[in-house]
């Protein structure tokens, strides 16, 4: 499991990188100090979250120690020492990198226009930067297997592989489930799965992240978009209480096509599980709840503006003696604060849905707790009730307000149908429950909400670490965010109290 506790003291020594004095960590290789000093050093096999191997040889820099003459050496396998003088831009360093690039490009196919890694591939960038525009050999490129299926998540193109071994080391060192290897010898070496078995586990998607070229790609993202057409927004994963830091990537039409981990040393480092990575369906629901609606005996649902829906909600809540207010665990801290204010104003009972632990818990990231802001809502003073406890308690209240993303699905498709017929039910959610009979719904009023990709706020994860969710795309027209809804509802209730 990733340790988010107190870290041991880090020893540092003073070195010089491109004329700049740098305090370098002794537990990290020289390339780490160079990158921290904002001195670009090309690299493929090196990854800050994996053990260094020095196989690609492209991270060469010129190093001088004491009175010894300067030497060109690989930065990822060189430990730092006090007094080092490093030059990442010397002619010797550039010449060595250029030679390494020539070997790496010898067998690499020229299919950049159709490669999903185009725009993110450093092989393109370094070739341009080092001036390695053409090769000197005339031998044909080796033919290897293309579009090799490695299971449900990953597709392998062996021709594009530069044998950096990042994928092999990731499976061995992070989830600790070795499934990949470098098979063959010399120029016949290729990446293979053990006994050609498909990959398994909840962390396969990270292989596409660590691959520096287009050899390992996500099946679900292949040919979906060009990366320069994506808008990237920092956020947090809402699929468990770990709250991994993520980047949400939105295509021009507003479709969320990819979610990737964002480096966060305290929470998830460079990784995330596949459960969170592929939770795209929650943001692409066709039947979104837009505006406000009430059931009709003949027409199914009558639609009207949110402002009118809030007027109806205020009337229903004012008429209730002590409403039950049920929050989704996807509510942010800011939304929870507003909801507690509403609860106090109505003298209601305020709780959040506490879903059961699932079977996805592991020793790395996934906690098995589907409630992303359980800690935040608990710290605010919310009562935690299971779906069964909430439905049982609803019989004691004349009105129940269920509010927040996925709150209806947490209570179950048949949960609302089990409520007493006399109970007034208000639902503020992103979608209506799936099992709702036309003209016979127990829901008296429904108002649409923005998803966690369409609003901003903070969640507090299982370790008490507060992290933001940010708006990656606008909500549909007619959908308000939860804070705005609650503030307007509080204003309407205050006006009614004054008038009464």
Protein backbone atom coordinates (compact mmCIF):
# COMPACT_ATOMS: atom_id res chain seq x y z
CA UNK A 1 0.00 0.00 0.00
CA UNK A 2 1.21 3.52 -0.78
CA UNK A 3 2.39 5.06 2.46
CA UNK A 4 0.97 8.51 3.09
CA UNK A 5 2.46 8.79 6.57
CA UNK A 6 5.49 10.71 7.78
CA UNK A 7 8.46 10.33 5.46
CA UNK A 8 12.05 9.77 6.72
CA UNK A 9 14.49 12.68 6.67
CA UNK A 10 16.05 13.19 3.26
CA UNK A 11 19.78 13.88 2.99
CA UNK A 12 20.89 16.41 0.39
CA UNK A 13 24.23 17.48 -1.08
CA UNK A 14 25.19 20.49 -3.15
CA UNK A 15 25.94 20.02 -6.85
CA UNK A 16 26.05 22.32 -9.87
CA UNK A 17 23.76 21.74 -12.85
CA UNK A 18 24.29 23.97 -15.89
CA UNK A 19 25.88 26.63 -13.71
CA UNK A 20 23.07 26.55 -11.14
CA UNK A 21 23.66 25.38 -7.56
CA UNK A 22 21.23 22.58 -6.65
CA UNK A 23 20.46 20.75 -3.40
CA UNK A 24 20.30 17.16 -4.71
CA UNK A 25 18.76 14.23 -2.85
CA UNK A 26 21.22 11.42 -2.18
CA UNK A 27 18.51 8.75 -2.40
CA UNK A 28 17.71 9.69 -6.01
CA UNK A 29 19.83 9.33 -9.17
CA UNK A 30 21.46 12.28 -10.90
CA UNK A 31 18.66 12.63 -13.46
CA UNK A 32 16.23 13.47 -10.67
CA UNK A 33 18.39 16.43 -9.61
CA UNK A 34 18.68 17.62 -13.22
CA UNK A 35 14.93 17.50 -13.77
CA UNK A 36 14.28 19.21 -10.43
CA UNK A 37 16.64 21.97 -11.57
CA UNK A 38 14.45 22.34 -14.69
CA UNK A 39 17.25 21.08 -16.93
CA UNK A 40 15.74 18.81 -19.56
CA UNK A 41 17.41 15.40 -19.87
CA UNK A 42 15.94 13.01 -22.48
CA UNK A 43 14.92 9.66 -21.01
CA UNK A 44 12.87 6.58 -21.84
CA UNK A 45 13.62 3.74 -19.45
CA UNK A 46 13.83 6.05 -16.42
CA UNK A 47 10.60 6.64 -14.49
CA UNK A 48 10.63 8.31 -11.05
CA UNK A 49 8.30 5.65 -9.65
CA UNK A 50 10.34 2.65 -10.87
CA UNK A 51 13.82 1.28 -10.26
CA UNK A 52 16.45 2.62 -12.73
CA UNK A 53 18.02 0.18 -15.22
CA UNK A 54 19.92 2.37 -17.69
CA UNK A 55 18.85 0.39 -20.75
CA UNK A 56 18.00 3.14 -23.25
CA UNK A 57 21.24 5.10 -22.61
CA UNK A 58 19.76 8.35 -23.87
CA UNK A 59 19.91 10.27 -20.58
CA UNK A 60 23.64 10.95 -20.95
CA UNK A 61 25.09 14.11 -19.43
CA UNK A 62 28.62 15.39 -18.88
CA UNK A 63 29.82 15.11 -15.28
CA UNK A 64 32.99 16.38 -13.65
CA UNK A 65 34.04 15.39 -10.11
CA UNK A 66 37.03 16.94 -8.40
CA UNK A 67 40.13 17.10 -10.60
CA UNK A 68 39.03 14.23 -12.82
CA UNK A 69 38.28 15.13 -16.47
CA UNK A 70 34.64 15.49 -17.43
CA UNK A 71 32.99 12.28 -18.59
CA UNK A 72 29.72 11.52 -20.34
CA UNK A 73 27.57 9.09 -18.33
CA UNK A 74 23.95 8.00 -17.99
CA UNK A 75 22.18 10.20 -15.46
CA UNK A 76 19.62 7.58 -14.35
CA UNK A 77 22.31 5.21 -12.99
CA UNK A 78 24.69 7.77 -11.55
CA UNK A 79 24.37 8.55 -7.83
CA UNK A 80 24.82 12.16 -6.80
CA UNK A 81 27.93 13.22 -4.89
CA UNK A 82 28.86 16.51 -3.29
CA UNK A 83 30.68 18.90 -5.60
CA UNK A 84 29.51 17.36 -8.89
CA UNK A 85 29.50 19.72 -11.87
CA UNK A 86 26.92 18.62 -14.45
CA UNK A 87 26.44 19.91 -17.98
CA UNK A 88 23.33 18.58 -19.71
CA UNK A 89 23.92 20.65 -22.88
CA UNK A 90 27.57 19.81 -23.71
CA UNK A 91 28.49 18.68 -27.23
CA UNK A 92 29.58 15.29 -25.90
CA UNK A 93 26.19 14.72 -24.23
CA UNK A 94 24.26 15.69 -27.35
CA UNK A 95 26.44 13.56 -29.62
CA UNK A 96 25.92 10.51 -27.37
CA UNK A 97 22.17 11.01 -27.27
CA UNK A 98 22.03 11.36 -31.03
CA UNK A 99 23.82 8.03 -31.47
CA UNK A 100 21.41 6.33 -29.06
CA UNK A 101 18.44 7.77 -30.92
CA UNK A 102 19.75 6.38 -34.18
CA UNK A 103 19.70 2.87 -32.72
CA UNK A 104 16.25 3.36 -31.18
CA UNK A 105 14.84 4.58 -34.50
CA UNK A 106 16.49 1.81 -36.53
CA UNK A 107 13.50 -0.52 -36.26
CA UNK A 108 10.80 1.93 -35.20
CA UNK A 109 7.96 2.14 -37.76
CA UNK A 110 7.15 5.48 -39.36
CA UNK A 111 3.44 5.37 -38.48
CA UNK A 112 3.25 8.51 -36.32
CA UNK A 113 0.19 9.87 -38.21
CA UNK A 114 -1.94 6.92 -37.07
CA UNK A 115 -0.37 6.34 -33.66
CA UNK A 116 -2.43 7.16 -30.56
CA UNK A 117 0.71 8.41 -28.84
CA UNK A 118 1.19 11.18 -31.42
CA UNK A 119 1.44 14.46 -29.56
CA UNK A 120 2.58 12.75 -26.36
CA UNK A 121 5.49 10.67 -27.71
CA UNK A 122 8.89 11.89 -26.59
CA UNK A 123 10.52 9.88 -29.36
CA UNK A 124 9.23 12.53 -31.75
CA UNK A 125 10.31 15.38 -29.48
CA UNK A 126 13.82 14.09 -28.82
CA UNK A 127 14.44 13.26 -32.47
CA UNK A 128 13.63 16.84 -33.35
CA UNK A 129 15.64 18.29 -30.45
CA UNK A 130 18.76 16.20 -31.07
CA UNK A 131 18.65 16.58 -34.85
CA UNK A 132 18.36 12.85 -35.53
CA UNK A 133 16.28 13.13 -38.67
CA UNK A 134 17.56 10.19 -40.71
CA UNK A 135 19.32 6.86 -40.30
CA UNK A 136 22.47 5.66 -42.04
CA UNK A 137 21.63 1.96 -42.34
CA UNK A 138 19.90 0.43 -45.35
CA UNK A 139 18.78 -2.86 -43.82
CA UNK A 140 15.00 -3.33 -43.66
CA UNK A 141 13.21 -2.85 -40.37
CA UNK A 142 12.39 -6.01 -38.46
CA UNK A 143 8.83 -7.25 -38.76
CA UNK A 144 7.03 -7.87 -35.50
CA UNK A 145 3.46 -8.49 -34.42
CA UNK A 146 1.06 -5.57 -34.61
CA UNK A 147 -2.18 -5.07 -32.67
CA UNK A 148 -1.41 -7.90 -30.28
CA UNK A 149 -4.26 -8.35 -27.81
CA UNK A 150 -3.02 -8.45 -24.20
CA UNK A 151 -6.43 -8.81 -22.57
CA UNK A 152 -9.37 -6.55 -21.81
CA UNK A 153 -7.40 -3.33 -21.41
CA UNK A 154 -4.13 -3.19 -23.38
CA UNK A 155 -3.14 -3.54 -27.03
CA UNK A 156 0.53 -4.13 -27.91
CA UNK A 157 2.31 -3.07 -31.08
CA UNK A 158 5.67 -4.85 -30.88
CA UNK A 159 7.14 -2.90 -33.79
CA UNK A 160 6.91 0.36 -31.85
CA UNK A 161 8.47 -1.01 -28.67
CA UNK A 162 11.91 0.39 -27.76
CA UNK A 163 12.46 -2.16 -24.95
CA UNK A 164 12.65 0.40 -22.17
CA UNK A 165 11.18 -2.31 -19.84
CA UNK A 166 9.07 0.19 -17.92
CA UNK A 167 6.03 -2.06 -18.33
CA UNK A 168 7.90 -5.08 -16.99
CA UNK A 169 9.17 -3.19 -13.97
CA UNK A 170 5.78 -1.64 -13.26
CA UNK A 171 4.05 -5.02 -13.00
CA UNK A 172 6.86 -6.36 -10.81
CA UNK A 173 7.29 -3.38 -8.49
CA UNK A 174 3.94 -1.60 -8.13
CA UNK A 175 1.03 -4.11 -8.09
CA UNK A 176 3.68 -6.84 -7.56
CA UNK A 177 2.00 -9.18 -10.03
CA UNK A 178 4.74 -9.98 -12.62
CA UNK A 179 3.06 -10.79 -15.93
CA UNK A 180 5.36 -9.26 -18.56
CA UNK A 181 8.92 -10.09 -19.57
CA UNK A 182 11.56 -9.31 -22.18
CA UNK A 183 11.66 -12.51 -24.25
CA UNK A 184 14.37 -13.42 -26.75
CA UNK A 185 17.96 -12.20 -27.05
CA UNK A 186 19.69 -9.27 -28.69
CA UNK A 187 17.87 -7.93 -31.76
CA UNK A 188 15.23 -10.63 -31.30
CA UNK A 189 14.11 -9.30 -27.91
CA UNK A 190 10.41 -8.48 -27.54
CA UNK A 191 7.91 -7.76 -24.78
CA UNK A 192 5.69 -10.75 -24.05
CA UNK A 193 3.26 -11.91 -21.41
CA UNK A 194 4.17 -15.10 -19.54
CA UNK A 195 3.07 -18.07 -21.65
CA UNK A 196 1.08 -15.63 -23.83
CA UNK A 197 -1.58 -15.38 -21.11
CA UNK A 198 -3.80 -12.26 -21.09
CA UNK A 199 -2.99 -9.59 -18.52
CA UNK A 200 -5.12 -9.44 -15.39
CA UNK A 201 -5.55 -7.14 -12.41
CA UNK A 202 -6.98 -3.73 -11.62
CA UNK A 203 -3.91 -1.69 -12.62
CA UNK A 204 -3.34 -2.62 -16.27
CA UNK A 205 -4.19 0.86 -17.55
CA UNK A 206 -1.02 2.24 -16.00
CA UNK A 207 0.96 0.31 -18.62
CA UNK A 208 -0.25 2.75 -21.28
CA UNK A 209 0.84 5.65 -19.06
CA UNK A 210 4.37 4.39 -18.41
CA UNK A 211 5.00 3.40 -22.05
CA UNK A 212 6.96 6.35 -23.53
CA UNK A 213 6.01 5.46 -27.13
CA UNK A 214 2.91 4.00 -28.80
CA UNK A 215 3.66 0.34 -28.09
CA UNK A 216 1.14 -0.14 -25.26
CA UNK A 217 -2.18 1.60 -25.78
CA UNK A 218 -5.59 1.54 -24.14
CA UNK A 219 -8.15 -0.39 -26.17
CA UNK A 220 -10.91 1.97 -25.04
CA UNK A 221 -9.00 5.07 -26.24
CA UNK A 222 -7.61 3.81 -29.54
CA UNK A 223 -8.50 6.17 -32.40
CA UNK A 224 -10.88 8.10 -30.12
CA UNK A 225 -9.12 11.47 -30.23
CA UNK A 226 -5.97 13.41 -30.99
CA UNK A 227 -4.46 14.60 -27.74
CA UNK A 228 -4.12 18.19 -28.97
CA UNK A 229 -7.92 18.30 -29.21
CA UNK A 230 -8.32 17.40 -25.54
CA UNK A 231 -8.88 19.85 -22.70
CA UNK A 232 -7.18 18.54 -19.56
CA UNK A 233 -8.39 19.44 -16.07
CA UNK A 234 -6.93 18.42 -12.72
CA UNK A 235 -9.42 16.63 -10.46
CA UNK A 236 -9.85 13.66 -8.11
CA UNK A 237 -11.21 10.15 -8.63
CA UNK A 238 -14.59 9.45 -7.05
CA UNK A 239 -14.68 5.66 -7.28
CA UNK A 240 -13.33 4.95 -3.78
CA UNK A 241 -12.30 6.81 -0.64
CA UNK A 242 -8.63 6.96 -1.74
CA UNK A 243 -9.44 9.96 -3.95
CA UNK A 244 -6.55 9.55 -6.40
CA UNK A 245 -5.46 12.76 -8.07
CA UNK A 246 -6.43 12.59 -11.73
CA UNK A 247 -6.55 14.48 -15.00
CA UNK A 248 -9.93 14.51 -16.77
CA UNK A 249 -9.56 14.86 -20.54
CA UNK A 250 -12.49 16.23 -22.55
CA UNK A 251 -12.92 16.21 -26.31
CA UNK A 252 -14.11 19.36 -28.07
CA UNK A 253 -17.76 18.25 -28.14
CA UNK A 254 -17.74 17.82 -24.35
CA UNK A 255 -17.25 14.05 -24.22
CA UNK A 256 -14.96 12.78 -21.46
CA UNK A 257 -12.75 10.29 -23.31
CA UNK A 258 -9.93 9.63 -20.86
CA UNK A 259 -9.10 9.81 -17.17
CA UNK A 260 -5.46 9.46 -16.15
CA UNK A 261 -3.56 9.61 -12.86
CA UNK A 262 -1.89 12.87 -11.84
CA UNK A 263 1.23 12.71 -9.70
CA UNK A 264 0.43 13.19 -6.02
CA UNK A 265 3.13 12.00 -3.67
CA UNK A 266 0.80 11.89 -0.65
CA UNK A 267 -2.13 10.04 -2.21
CA UNK A 268 -1.50 7.90 -5.31
CA UNK A 269 1.99 8.83 -6.56
CA UNK A 270 1.85 8.20 -10.34
CA UNK A 271 -0.82 5.48 -10.42
CA UNK A 272 -4.54 4.77 -10.34
CA UNK A 273 -6.69 1.66 -10.59
CA UNK A 274 -8.69 0.66 -13.66
CA UNK A 275 -11.97 1.01 -11.77
CA UNK A 276 -11.47 4.77 -11.57
CA UNK A 277 -9.76 5.09 -14.94
CA UNK A 278 -12.65 3.57 -16.87
CA UNK A 279 -15.55 5.05 -14.86
CA UNK A 280 -16.59 7.08 -17.90
CA UNK A 281 -20.19 5.86 -18.03
CA UNK A 282 -21.08 7.98 -15.01
CA UNK A 283 -20.28 11.10 -17.06
CA UNK A 284 -21.97 10.07 -20.31
CA UNK A 285 -25.48 9.23 -19.19
CA UNK A 286 -27.94 9.74 -22.05
CA UNK A 287 -30.98 10.24 -19.82
CA UNK A 288 -29.70 13.17 -17.76
CA UNK A 289 -32.10 14.84 -15.37
CA UNK A 290 -32.28 18.41 -16.69
CA UNK A 291 -34.18 21.22 -15.01
CA UNK A 292 -37.02 20.19 -12.68
CA UNK A 293 -39.87 17.77 -13.17
CA UNK A 294 -42.90 16.31 -11.41
CA UNK A 295 -44.79 13.08 -12.21
CA UNK A 296 -47.94 13.34 -14.30
CA UNK A 297 -50.68 10.73 -14.44
CA UNK A 298 -50.93 11.03 -18.23
CA UNK A 299 -47.70 12.53 -19.53
CA UNK A 300 -45.05 10.75 -17.47
CA UNK A 301 -43.08 13.78 -16.24
CA UNK A 302 -43.88 17.48 -16.51
CA UNK A 303 -40.76 19.54 -17.13
CA UNK A 304 -40.26 23.12 -15.88
CA UNK A 305 -37.37 25.47 -14.97
CA UNK A 306 -35.19 24.95 -11.90
CA UNK A 307 -36.40 28.22 -10.37
CA UNK A 308 -39.97 26.95 -10.35
CA UNK A 309 -38.84 23.59 -9.00
CA UNK A 310 -37.12 25.28 -6.07
CA UNK A 311 -40.33 27.17 -5.26
CA UNK A 312 -42.17 23.83 -5.07
CA UNK A 313 -39.35 22.31 -3.00
CA UNK A 314 -39.46 25.18 -0.53
CA UNK A 315 -43.23 24.75 -0.09
CA UNK A 316 -42.88 20.99 0.48
CA UNK A 317 -40.05 21.37 3.00
CA UNK A 318 -41.82 24.18 4.91
CA UNK A 319 -44.85 21.93 5.28
CA UNK A 320 -42.75 19.09 6.71
CA UNK A 321 -42.43 18.96 10.49
CA UNK A 322 -38.98 17.31 10.56
CA UNK A 323 -37.76 16.19 7.13
CA UNK A 324 -35.15 13.52 6.58
CA UNK A 325 -32.29 14.93 4.49
CA UNK A 326 -30.18 12.27 2.80
CA UNK A 327 -26.88 13.24 1.17
CA UNK A 328 -24.80 11.41 -1.39
CA UNK A 329 -21.21 10.56 -0.34
CA UNK A 330 -20.21 12.32 -3.60
CA UNK A 331 -21.17 15.66 -2.04
CA UNK A 332 -18.18 17.97 -1.57
CA UNK A 333 -17.22 19.58 1.72
CA UNK A 334 -18.64 22.89 0.48
CA UNK A 335 -21.95 21.27 -0.54
CA UNK A 336 -22.11 19.40 2.77
CA UNK A 337 -21.67 22.64 4.68
CA UNK A 338 -24.60 24.25 2.84
CA UNK A 339 -26.74 21.14 3.38
CA UNK A 340 -26.11 21.18 7.13
CA UNK A 341 -27.26 24.80 7.19
CA UNK A 342 -30.45 23.69 5.41
CA UNK A 343 -30.92 20.89 7.93
CA UNK A 344 -30.62 23.27 10.86
CA UNK A 345 -33.05 25.72 9.27
CA UNK A 346 -35.62 22.95 8.77
CA UNK A 347 -34.89 21.20 12.08
CA UNK A 348 -34.37 18.04 10.03
CA UNK A 349 -32.35 14.87 10.44
CA UNK A 350 -29.26 14.98 8.18
CA UNK A 351 -27.38 11.85 7.11
CA UNK A 352 -25.39 10.54 4.18
CA UNK A 353 -25.73 7.21 2.40
CA UNK A 354 -23.04 4.83 3.65
CA UNK A 355 -22.66 2.11 1.00
CA UNK A 356 -21.30 -1.32 1.89
CA UNK A 357 -17.67 -2.25 1.32
CA UNK A 358 -17.10 -3.85 -2.09
CA UNK A 359 -14.71 -6.61 -3.20
CA UNK A 360 -12.26 -4.30 -5.01
CA UNK A 361 -10.08 -3.46 -1.98
CA UNK A 362 -6.38 -4.20 -2.46
CA UNK A 363 -3.02 -3.45 -0.84
CA UNK A 364 -2.09 -0.67 -3.25
CA UNK A 365 -4.73 2.03 -3.77
CA UNK A 366 -8.34 0.87 -3.87
CA UNK A 367 -9.93 1.00 -0.41
CA UNK A 368 -13.08 -0.96 -1.28
CA UNK A 369 -15.14 1.93 0.09
CA UNK A 370 -17.23 3.47 -2.74
CA UNK A 371 -17.85 6.70 -0.76
CA UNK A 372 -15.25 9.27 -1.94
CA UNK A 373 -16.04 11.90 0.69
CA UNK A 374 -16.98 9.71 3.65
CA UNK A 375 -14.25 11.29 5.78
CA UNK A 376 -15.19 14.83 4.79
CA UNK A 377 -18.90 14.42 5.54
CA UNK A 378 -18.21 12.56 8.78
CA UNK A 379 -15.88 15.34 9.94
CA UNK A 380 -18.62 17.88 9.20
CA UNK A 381 -20.97 15.99 11.51
CA UNK A 382 -23.12 13.99 9.08
CA UNK A 383 -24.73 10.80 10.36
CA UNK A 384 -23.73 7.72 8.33
CA UNK A 385 -26.65 5.41 7.49
CA UNK A 386 -26.77 2.39 5.22
CA UNK A 387 -29.35 2.38 2.40
CA UNK A 388 -31.48 -0.05 4.41
CA UNK A 389 -31.35 2.18 7.51
CA UNK A 390 -32.33 5.23 5.46
CA UNK A 391 -35.35 3.51 3.88
CA UNK A 392 -36.41 2.25 7.30
CA UNK A 393 -36.02 5.71 8.88
CA UNK A 394 -38.00 7.35 6.07
CA UNK A 395 -41.24 5.92 7.48
CA UNK A 396 -40.78 8.17 10.53
CA UNK A 397 -40.71 11.37 8.45
CA UNK A 398 -43.37 13.06 6.37
CA UNK A 399 -40.81 14.28 3.82
CA UNK A 400 -37.46 13.04 2.57
CA UNK A 401 -34.95 15.06 0.52
CA UNK A 402 -32.35 12.94 -1.29
CA UNK A 403 -29.58 15.07 -2.72
CA UNK A 404 -26.35 14.44 -4.57
CA UNK A 405 -24.77 12.51 -7.41
CA UNK A 406 -25.79 8.81 -7.57
CA UNK A 407 -27.92 9.05 -4.42
CA UNK A 408 -30.84 7.37 -6.20
CA UNK A 409 -28.74 4.44 -7.38
CA UNK A 410 -27.29 3.98 -3.89
CA UNK A 411 -30.79 3.66 -2.44
CA UNK A 412 -31.63 1.13 -5.13
CA UNK A 413 -34.03 1.09 -8.05
CA UNK A 414 -36.81 -0.29 -5.87
CA UNK A 415 -35.85 1.73 -2.80
CA UNK A 416 -38.19 4.63 -3.52
CA UNK A 417 -41.02 2.27 -4.31
CA UNK A 418 -40.73 0.81 -0.80
CA UNK A 419 -41.34 4.18 0.86
CA UNK A 420 -44.74 4.86 2.47
CA UNK A 421 -47.19 6.40 -0.01
CA UNK A 422 -47.76 9.35 2.32
CA UNK A 423 -44.09 10.33 2.34
CA UNK A 424 -43.23 13.33 0.16
CA UNK A 425 -40.06 12.52 -1.79
CA UNK A 426 -37.76 15.18 -3.26
CA UNK A 427 -34.84 13.99 -5.39
CA UNK A 428 -31.90 16.18 -6.46
CA UNK A 429 -29.68 13.94 -8.61
CA UNK A 430 -28.05 13.65 -12.04
CA UNK A 431 -30.56 11.04 -13.25
CA UNK A 432 -33.86 9.52 -12.23
CA UNK A 433 -33.97 5.96 -10.85
CA UNK A 434 -34.16 3.44 -13.68
CA UNK A 435 -37.31 1.69 -12.45
CA UNK A 436 -39.92 4.45 -12.49
CA UNK A 437 -43.41 3.67 -13.82
CA UNK A 438 -44.98 6.41 -15.91
CA UNK A 439 -47.54 8.25 -13.82
CA UNK A 440 -46.88 6.06 -10.79
CA UNK A 441 -43.58 7.33 -9.40
CA UNK A 442 -43.17 7.78 -5.63
CA UNK A 443 -40.97 10.83 -6.37
CA UNK A 444 -42.94 14.07 -5.98
CA UNK A 445 -40.25 16.41 -7.31
CA UNK A 446 -36.93 15.86 -9.10
CA UNK A 447 -34.25 18.44 -9.94
CA UNK A 448 -31.13 17.74 -12.00
CA UNK A 449 -27.62 18.21 -10.63
CA UNK A 450 -24.13 18.59 -12.11
CA UNK A 451 -21.77 15.60 -11.96
CA UNK A 452 -18.37 15.69 -10.27
CA UNK A 453 -16.86 16.54 -13.69
CA UNK A 454 -19.12 19.58 -13.99
CA UNK A 455 -18.63 21.28 -10.63
CA UNK A 456 -15.87 22.26 -8.21
CA UNK A 457 -15.19 21.60 -4.54
CA UNK A 458 -13.16 19.39 -2.23
CA UNK A 459 -13.24 15.82 -1.00
CA UNK A 460 -11.37 14.48 2.04
CA UNK A 461 -9.94 11.02 1.50
CA UNK A 462 -9.57 8.07 3.86
CA UNK A 463 -6.31 9.47 5.26
CA UNK A 464 -7.77 12.91 5.93
CA UNK A 465 -6.08 14.51 2.91
CA UNK A 466 -8.16 17.26 1.30
CA UNK A 467 -8.05 17.32 -2.51
CA UNK A 468 -10.02 19.32 -5.12
CA UNK A 469 -12.43 18.31 -7.84
CA UNK A 470 -12.56 20.87 -10.64
CA UNK A 471 -15.01 21.55 -13.44
CA UNK A 472 -13.77 19.75 -16.55
CA UNK A 473 -16.74 20.70 -18.71
CA UNK A 474 -19.93 22.80 -18.34
CA UNK A 475 -23.11 21.18 -17.09
CA UNK A 476 -26.01 20.83 -19.56
CA UNK A 477 -28.19 23.89 -20.00
CA UNK A 478 -30.76 23.95 -17.22
CA UNK A 479 -28.60 22.06 -14.71
CA UNK A 480 -27.32 23.93 -11.65
CA UNK A 481 -24.50 22.93 -9.35
CA UNK A 482 -25.47 21.79 -5.87
CA UNK A 483 -24.13 24.80 -3.94
CA UNK A 484 -26.15 27.19 -6.08
CA UNK A 485 -29.29 25.08 -5.63
CA UNK A 486 -28.90 24.93 -1.87
CA UNK A 487 -28.15 28.63 -1.51
CA UNK A 488 -31.22 29.55 -3.54
CA UNK A 489 -33.36 27.12 -1.57
CA UNK A 490 -32.10 28.58 1.71
CA UNK A 491 -32.98 32.06 0.45
CA UNK A 492 -36.53 30.97 -0.44
CA UNK A 493 -37.03 29.34 2.96
CA UNK A 494 -35.77 32.44 4.76
CA UNK A 495 -38.22 34.60 2.77
CA UNK A 496 -41.13 32.31 3.62
CA UNK A 497 -40.25 32.38 7.33
CA UNK A 498 -40.22 36.17 7.31
CA UNK A 499 -43.56 36.28 5.51
CA UNK A 500 -45.12 33.82 7.94
